[in-house]
């Protein structure tokens, strides 16, 4: 997943950094995702404001916090999370890291499917246009082979055949002209 950006925001000396890093790397490895984890050290309140840093450790997948807590203030300090039983823990729970990675994977899959559907539609339209072109060429060739636009073999028109004394077939008679046949003796 080339477009997966994984960030681990922390401050120097965070007691929960190692646990967060191990959990994050385990989820990525289990998900068969090879991407670098960018560790960002936040050293000032100004940096925390600029990054929207709410405490350490914070894991972001493509800029989204794996455990968003909008009520937390911006600042350089420890951040607490709740595990599945509601107990406070010092790093994001593995289930939330995994859910964030899988949400990204599903989003990429949907995007891939949309792109592929677009390519298939373009191919189908192109194939239909090519088929129509081939059909038109075949129809034109068939008309020429059958006598051109006149519909007669050898390019003769109905009137030429009648004028030359050739008896027309029933389907060769032009209904817009009147022909009287005289009995042959």
C-alpha atoms as a PDB file:
ATOM      1  CA  UNK A   1       0.000   0.000   0.000  1.00  0.00           C
ATOM      2  CA  UNK A   2       2.178   2.733  -1.311  1.00  0.00           C
ATOM      3  CA  UNK A   3      -0.112   5.534  -0.177  1.00  0.00           C
ATOM      4  CA  UNK A   4      -0.340   4.402   3.462  1.00  0.00           C
ATOM      5  CA  UNK A   5       1.227   6.979   5.752  1.00  0.00           C
ATOM      6  CA  UNK A   6       1.763   5.800   9.314  1.00  0.00           C
ATOM      7  CA  UNK A   7       2.846   8.261  11.977  1.00  0.00           C
ATOM      8  CA  UNK A   8       3.701   7.686  15.604  1.00  0.00           C
ATOM      9  CA  UNK A   9       3.749  11.026  17.407  1.00  0.00           C
ATOM     10  CA  UNK A  10       5.490  11.182  20.763  1.00  0.00           C
ATOM     11  CA  UNK A  11       7.771  13.217  22.988  1.00  0.00           C
ATOM     12  CA  UNK A  12      11.286  12.334  24.128  1.00  0.00           C
ATOM     13  CA  UNK A  13      11.128   9.923  27.051  1.00  0.00           C
ATOM     14  CA  UNK A  14       7.473   8.821  26.658  1.00  0.00           C
ATOM     15  CA  UNK A  15       7.048   5.715  28.858  1.00  0.00           C
ATOM     16  CA  UNK A  16       4.448   4.189  26.460  1.00  0.00           C
ATOM     17  CA  UNK A  17       6.300   4.701  23.154  1.00  0.00           C
ATOM     18  CA  UNK A  18       7.829   1.217  22.981  1.00  0.00           C
ATOM     19  CA  UNK A  19       4.500  -0.533  23.614  1.00  0.00           C
ATOM     20  CA  UNK A  20       2.722   1.615  20.991  1.00  0.00           C
ATOM     21  CA  UNK A  21       5.489   0.945  18.458  1.00  0.00           C
ATOM     22  CA  UNK A  22       5.404  -2.841  19.069  1.00  0.00           C
ATOM     23  CA  UNK A  23       1.604  -2.961  18.761  1.00  0.00           C
ATOM     24  CA  UNK A  24       1.618  -0.844  15.609  1.00  0.00           C
ATOM     25  CA  UNK A  25       4.349  -2.885  13.923  1.00  0.00           C
ATOM     26  CA  UNK A  26       2.589  -6.138  14.874  1.00  0.00           C
ATOM     27  CA  UNK A  27      -0.697  -4.970  13.292  1.00  0.00           C
ATOM     28  CA  UNK A  28       1.095  -3.871  10.130  1.00  0.00           C
ATOM     29  CA  UNK A  29       2.994  -7.175   9.938  1.00  0.00           C
ATOM     30  CA  UNK A  30      -0.180  -9.245  10.514  1.00  0.00           C
ATOM     31  CA  UNK A  31      -1.958  -7.196   7.849  1.00  0.00           C
ATOM     32  CA  UNK A  32       0.928  -7.886   5.454  1.00  0.00           C
ATOM     33  CA  UNK A  33       1.614  -4.197   5.032  1.00  0.00           C
ATOM     34  CA  UNK A  34       5.166  -3.043   4.515  1.00  0.00           C
ATOM     35  CA  UNK A  35       5.351   0.658   5.107  1.00  0.00           C
ATOM     36  CA  UNK A  36       7.700   2.763   7.189  1.00  0.00           C
ATOM     37  CA  UNK A  37       6.483   4.123  10.501  1.00  0.00           C
ATOM     38  CA  UNK A  38       7.382   7.783  10.761  1.00  0.00           C
ATOM     39  CA  UNK A  39       8.181   8.655  14.366  1.00  0.00           C
ATOM     40  CA  UNK A  40       7.584  12.348  15.014  1.00  0.00           C
ATOM     41  CA  UNK A  41       9.046  13.821  18.191  1.00  0.00           C
ATOM     42  CA  UNK A  42       7.098  16.801  19.481  1.00  0.00           C
ATOM     43  CA  UNK A  43       9.221  19.045  21.667  1.00  0.00           C
ATOM     44  CA  UNK A  44       7.230  22.245  22.117  1.00  0.00           C
ATOM     45  CA  UNK A  45       3.707  23.485  22.598  1.00  0.00           C
ATOM     46  CA  UNK A  46       3.996  25.333  19.264  1.00  0.00           C
ATOM     47  CA  UNK A  47       4.812  22.046  17.508  1.00  0.00           C
ATOM     48  CA  UNK A  48       1.907  20.372  19.327  1.00  0.00           C
ATOM     49  CA  UNK A  49      -0.459  23.101  18.115  1.00  0.00           C
ATOM     50  CA  UNK A  50       0.840  22.872  14.557  1.00  0.00           C
ATOM     51  CA  UNK A  51       0.445  19.059  14.528  1.00  0.00           C
ATOM     52  CA  UNK A  52      -2.798  18.923  16.490  1.00  0.00           C
ATOM     53  CA  UNK A  53      -0.923  16.745  19.001  1.00  0.00           C
ATOM     54  CA  UNK A  54      -3.041  15.689  21.959  1.00  0.00           C
ATOM     55  CA  UNK A  55      -0.459  13.655  23.815  1.00  0.00           C
ATOM     56  CA  UNK A  56       1.866  10.731  23.529  1.00  0.00           C
ATOM     57  CA  UNK A  57       1.736   8.244  22.012  1.00  0.00           C
ATOM     58  CA  UNK A  58      -0.564   9.156  19.117  1.00  0.00           C
ATOM     59  CA  UNK A  59      -0.851   6.889  16.071  1.00  0.00           C
ATOM     60  CA  UNK A  60      -2.207   8.316  12.845  1.00  0.00           C
ATOM     61  CA  UNK A  61      -3.044   6.451   9.654  1.00  0.00           C
ATOM     62  CA  UNK A  62      -3.000   8.881   6.711  1.00  0.00           C
ATOM     63  CA  UNK A  63      -3.403  11.748   9.150  1.00  0.00           C
ATOM     64  CA  UNK A  64      -6.342  10.238  11.066  1.00  0.00           C
ATOM     65  CA  UNK A  65      -5.962   9.416  14.745  1.00  0.00           C
ATOM     66  CA  UNK A  66      -6.620   5.703  15.347  1.00  0.00           C
ATOM     67  CA  UNK A  67      -8.527   6.647  18.528  1.00  0.00           C
ATOM     68  CA  UNK A  68      -9.922  10.139  18.012  1.00  0.00           C
ATOM     69  CA  UNK A  69     -10.628  12.004  21.233  1.00  0.00           C
ATOM     70  CA  UNK A  70     -11.636  15.523  20.221  1.00  0.00           C
ATOM     71  CA  UNK A  71     -12.207  16.516  23.851  1.00  0.00           C
ATOM     72  CA  UNK A  72      -8.488  16.179  24.678  1.00  0.00           C
ATOM     73  CA  UNK A  73      -6.518  19.405  24.808  1.00  0.00           C
ATOM     74  CA  UNK A  74      -3.473  20.085  22.654  1.00  0.00           C
ATOM     75  CA  UNK A  75      -0.234  19.650  24.573  1.00  0.00           C
ATOM     76  CA  UNK A  76       3.009  17.818  25.167  1.00  0.00           C
ATOM     77  CA  UNK A  77       2.384  15.083  27.729  1.00  0.00           C
ATOM     78  CA  UNK A  78       1.105  11.562  28.224  1.00  0.00           C
ATOM     79  CA  UNK A  79      -2.171  10.506  26.729  1.00  0.00           C
ATOM     80  CA  UNK A  80      -4.455   7.844  28.175  1.00  0.00           C
ATOM     81  CA  UNK A  81      -6.667   5.443  26.253  1.00  0.00           C
ATOM     82  CA  UNK A  82      -9.340   2.989  27.333  1.00  0.00           C
ATOM     83  CA  UNK A  83      -9.072  -0.714  26.602  1.00  0.00           C
ATOM     84  CA  UNK A  84     -12.059  -2.879  25.613  1.00  0.00           C
ATOM     85  CA  UNK A  85     -13.074  -3.215  29.279  1.00  0.00           C
ATOM     86  CA  UNK A  86     -12.858   0.541  29.849  1.00  0.00           C
ATOM     87  CA  UNK A  87      -9.628   0.441  31.870  1.00  0.00           C
ATOM     88  CA  UNK A  88      -7.088   3.211  31.269  1.00  0.00           C
ATOM     89  CA  UNK A  89      -4.015   2.206  29.226  1.00  0.00           C
ATOM     90  CA  UNK A  90      -0.996   4.167  28.046  1.00  0.00           C
ATOM     91  CA  UNK A  91      -1.065   3.313  24.343  1.00  0.00           C
ATOM     92  CA  UNK A  92      -3.750   2.875  21.700  1.00  0.00           C
ATOM     93  CA  UNK A  93      -5.469  -0.526  21.968  1.00  0.00           C
ATOM     94  CA  UNK A  94      -4.465  -3.023  19.263  1.00  0.00           C
ATOM     95  CA  UNK A  95      -8.103  -3.417  18.174  1.00  0.00           C
ATOM     96  CA  UNK A  96      -8.314   0.309  17.361  1.00  0.00           C
ATOM     97  CA  UNK A  97      -5.007   0.265  15.471  1.00  0.00           C
ATOM     98  CA  UNK A  98      -6.191  -2.759  13.478  1.00  0.00           C
ATOM     99  CA  UNK A  99      -9.582  -1.139  12.773  1.00  0.00           C
ATOM    100  CA  UNK A 100      -7.883   2.011  11.439  1.00  0.00           C
ATOM    101  CA  UNK A 101      -5.556   0.004   9.167  1.00  0.00           C
ATOM    102  CA  UNK A 102      -8.452  -2.124   7.880  1.00  0.00           C
ATOM    103  CA  UNK A 103     -10.598   0.972   7.276  1.00  0.00           C
ATOM    104  CA  UNK A 104      -7.783   2.329   5.116  1.00  0.00           C
ATOM    105  CA  UNK A 105      -7.495  -1.006   3.297  1.00  0.00           C
ATOM    106  CA  UNK A 106     -11.265  -1.071   2.604  1.00  0.00           C
ATOM    107  CA  UNK A 107     -11.149   2.521   1.377  1.00  0.00           C
ATOM    108  CA  UNK A 108      -8.289   1.652  -0.991  1.00  0.00           C
ATOM    109  CA  UNK A 109     -10.167  -1.419  -2.197  1.00  0.00           C
ATOM    110  CA  UNK A 110     -13.271   0.659  -2.957  1.00  0.00           C
ATOM    111  CA  UNK A 111     -11.140   3.210  -4.800  1.00  0.00           C
ATOM    112  CA  UNK A 112      -9.447   0.444  -6.770  1.00  0.00           C
ATOM    113  CA  UNK A 113     -12.833  -1.058  -7.639  1.00  0.00           C
ATOM    114  CA  UNK A 114     -14.129   2.342  -8.811  1.00  0.00           C
ATOM    115  CA  UNK A 115     -11.066   2.818 -10.991  1.00  0.00           C
ATOM    116  CA  UNK A 116     -11.350  -0.681 -12.423  1.00  0.00           C
ATOM    117  CA  UNK A 117     -15.067  -0.205 -13.121  1.00  0.00           C
ATOM    118  CA  UNK A 118     -14.221   2.986 -15.007  1.00  0.00           C
ATOM    119  CA  UNK A 119     -11.599   1.169 -17.063  1.00  0.00           C
ATOM    120  CA  UNK A 120     -14.026  -1.656 -17.831  1.00  0.00           C
ATOM    121  CA  UNK A 121     -16.679   0.851 -18.931  1.00  0.00           C
ATOM    122  CA  UNK A 122     -14.151   2.608 -21.192  1.00  0.00           C
ATOM    123  CA  UNK A 123     -13.094  -0.730 -22.667  1.00  0.00           C
ATOM    124  CA  UNK A 124     -16.720  -1.781 -23.227  1.00  0.00           C
ATOM    125  CA  UNK A 125     -17.512   1.511 -24.978  1.00  0.00           C
ATOM    126  CA  UNK A 126     -14.397   1.188 -27.117  1.00  0.00           C
ATOM    127  CA  UNK A 127     -15.214  -2.433 -27.976  1.00  0.00           C
ATOM    128  CA  UNK A 128     -18.812  -1.519 -28.863  1.00  0.00           C
ATOM    129  CA  UNK A 129     -17.602   1.277 -31.135  1.00  0.00           C
ATOM    130  CA  UNK A 130     -15.116  -1.086 -32.787  1.00  0.00           C
ATOM    131  CA  UNK A 131     -17.834  -3.723 -33.285  1.00  0.00           C
ATOM    132  CA  UNK A 132     -20.152  -1.125 -34.825  1.00  0.00           C
ATOM    133  CA  UNK A 133     -17.372   0.006 -37.149  1.00  0.00           C
ATOM    134  CA  UNK A 134     -16.638  -3.582 -38.203  1.00  0.00           C
ATOM    135  CA  UNK A 135     -20.339  -4.278 -38.753  1.00  0.00           C
ATOM    136  CA  UNK A 136     -20.702  -1.151 -40.888  1.00  0.00           C
ATOM    137  CA  UNK A 137     -17.641  -2.118 -42.947  1.00  0.00           C
ATOM    138  CA  UNK A 138     -18.967  -5.652 -43.427  1.00  0.00           C
ATOM    139  CA  UNK A 139     -22.386  -4.332 -44.489  1.00  0.00           C
ATOM    140  CA  UNK A 140     -20.768  -1.959 -46.955  1.00  0.00           C
ATOM    141  CA  UNK A 141     -18.612  -4.758 -48.377  1.00  0.00           C
ATOM    142  CA  UNK A 142     -21.683  -6.982 -48.706  1.00  0.00           C
ATOM    143  CA  UNK A 143     -23.533  -4.230 -50.635  1.00  0.00           C
ATOM    144  CA  UNK A 144     -20.609  -3.775 -53.001  1.00  0.00           C
ATOM    145  CA  UNK A 145     -20.289  -7.522 -53.502  1.00  0.00           C
ATOM    146  CA  UNK A 146     -24.021  -7.804 -54.228  1.00  0.00           C
ATOM    147  CA  UNK A 147     -23.956  -5.069 -56.824  1.00  0.00           C
ATOM    148  CA  UNK A 148     -23.260  -1.842 -55.060  1.00  0.00           C
ATOM    149  CA  UNK A 149     -25.905   0.517 -53.939  1.00  0.00           C
ATOM    150  CA  UNK A 150     -28.145  -0.666 -56.793  1.00  0.00           C
ATOM    151  CA  UNK A 151     -28.571  -4.079 -55.262  1.00  0.00           C
ATOM    152  CA  UNK A 152     -27.688  -5.849 -58.556  1.00  0.00           C
ATOM    153  CA  UNK A 153     -24.918  -8.262 -59.354  1.00  0.00           C
ATOM    154  CA  UNK A 154     -22.327  -6.841 -61.714  1.00  0.00           C
ATOM    155  CA  UNK A 155     -23.429  -3.256 -61.041  1.00  0.00           C
ATOM    156  CA  UNK A 156     -26.348  -3.281 -63.506  1.00  0.00           C
ATOM    157  CA  UNK A 157     -29.404  -1.265 -62.636  1.00  0.00           C
ATOM    158  CA  UNK A 158     -32.909  -2.650 -62.947  1.00  0.00           C
ATOM    159  CA  UNK A 159     -33.655  -0.377 -65.891  1.00  0.00           C
ATOM    160  CA  UNK A 160     -30.523  -1.410 -67.798  1.00  0.00           C
ATOM    161  CA  UNK A 161     -31.494  -5.066 -67.544  1.00  0.00           C
ATOM    162  CA  UNK A 162     -35.046  -4.398 -68.721  1.00  0.00           C
ATOM    163  CA  UNK A 163     -33.894  -2.128 -71.574  1.00  0.00           C
ATOM    164  CA  UNK A 164     -31.529  -4.842 -72.797  1.00  0.00           C
ATOM    165  CA  UNK A 165     -34.415  -7.271 -73.012  1.00  0.00           C
ATOM    166  CA  UNK A 166     -33.475  -9.271 -69.954  1.00  0.00           C
ATOM    167  CA  UNK A 167     -36.546 -10.474 -68.148  1.00  0.00           C
ATOM    168  CA  UNK A 168     -36.384  -9.316 -64.528  1.00  0.00           C
ATOM    169  CA  UNK A 169     -36.959 -11.682 -61.650  1.00  0.00           C
ATOM    170  CA  UNK A 170     -40.045 -10.926 -59.604  1.00  0.00           C
ATOM    171  CA  UNK A 171     -37.991  -9.294 -56.868  1.00  0.00           C
ATOM    172  CA  UNK A 172     -36.141  -7.147 -59.430  1.00  0.00           C
ATOM    173  CA  UNK A 173     -39.266  -5.272 -60.541  1.00  0.00           C
ATOM    174  CA  UNK A 174     -39.206  -1.641 -59.625  1.00  0.00           C
ATOM    175  CA  UNK A 175     -42.685  -0.881 -58.235  1.00  0.00           C
ATOM    176  CA  UNK A 176     -42.397   2.802 -59.196  1.00  0.00           C
ATOM    177  CA  UNK A 177     -42.422   2.051 -62.911  1.00  0.00           C
ATOM    178  CA  UNK A 178     -45.008   0.176 -64.924  1.00  0.00           C
ATOM    179  CA  UNK A 179     -43.916  -2.699 -67.103  1.00  0.00           C
ATOM    180  CA  UNK A 180     -46.195  -4.732 -69.270  1.00  0.00           C
ATOM    181  CA  UNK A 181     -44.993  -8.074 -70.367  1.00  0.00           C
ATOM    182  CA  UNK A 182     -45.960  -9.426 -73.746  1.00  0.00           C
ATOM    183  CA  UNK A 183     -46.398 -13.146 -74.073  1.00  0.00           C
ATOM    184  CA  UNK A 184     -43.558 -14.867 -75.848  1.00  0.00           C
ATOM    185  CA  UNK A 185     -44.324 -17.175 -78.606  1.00  0.00           C
END
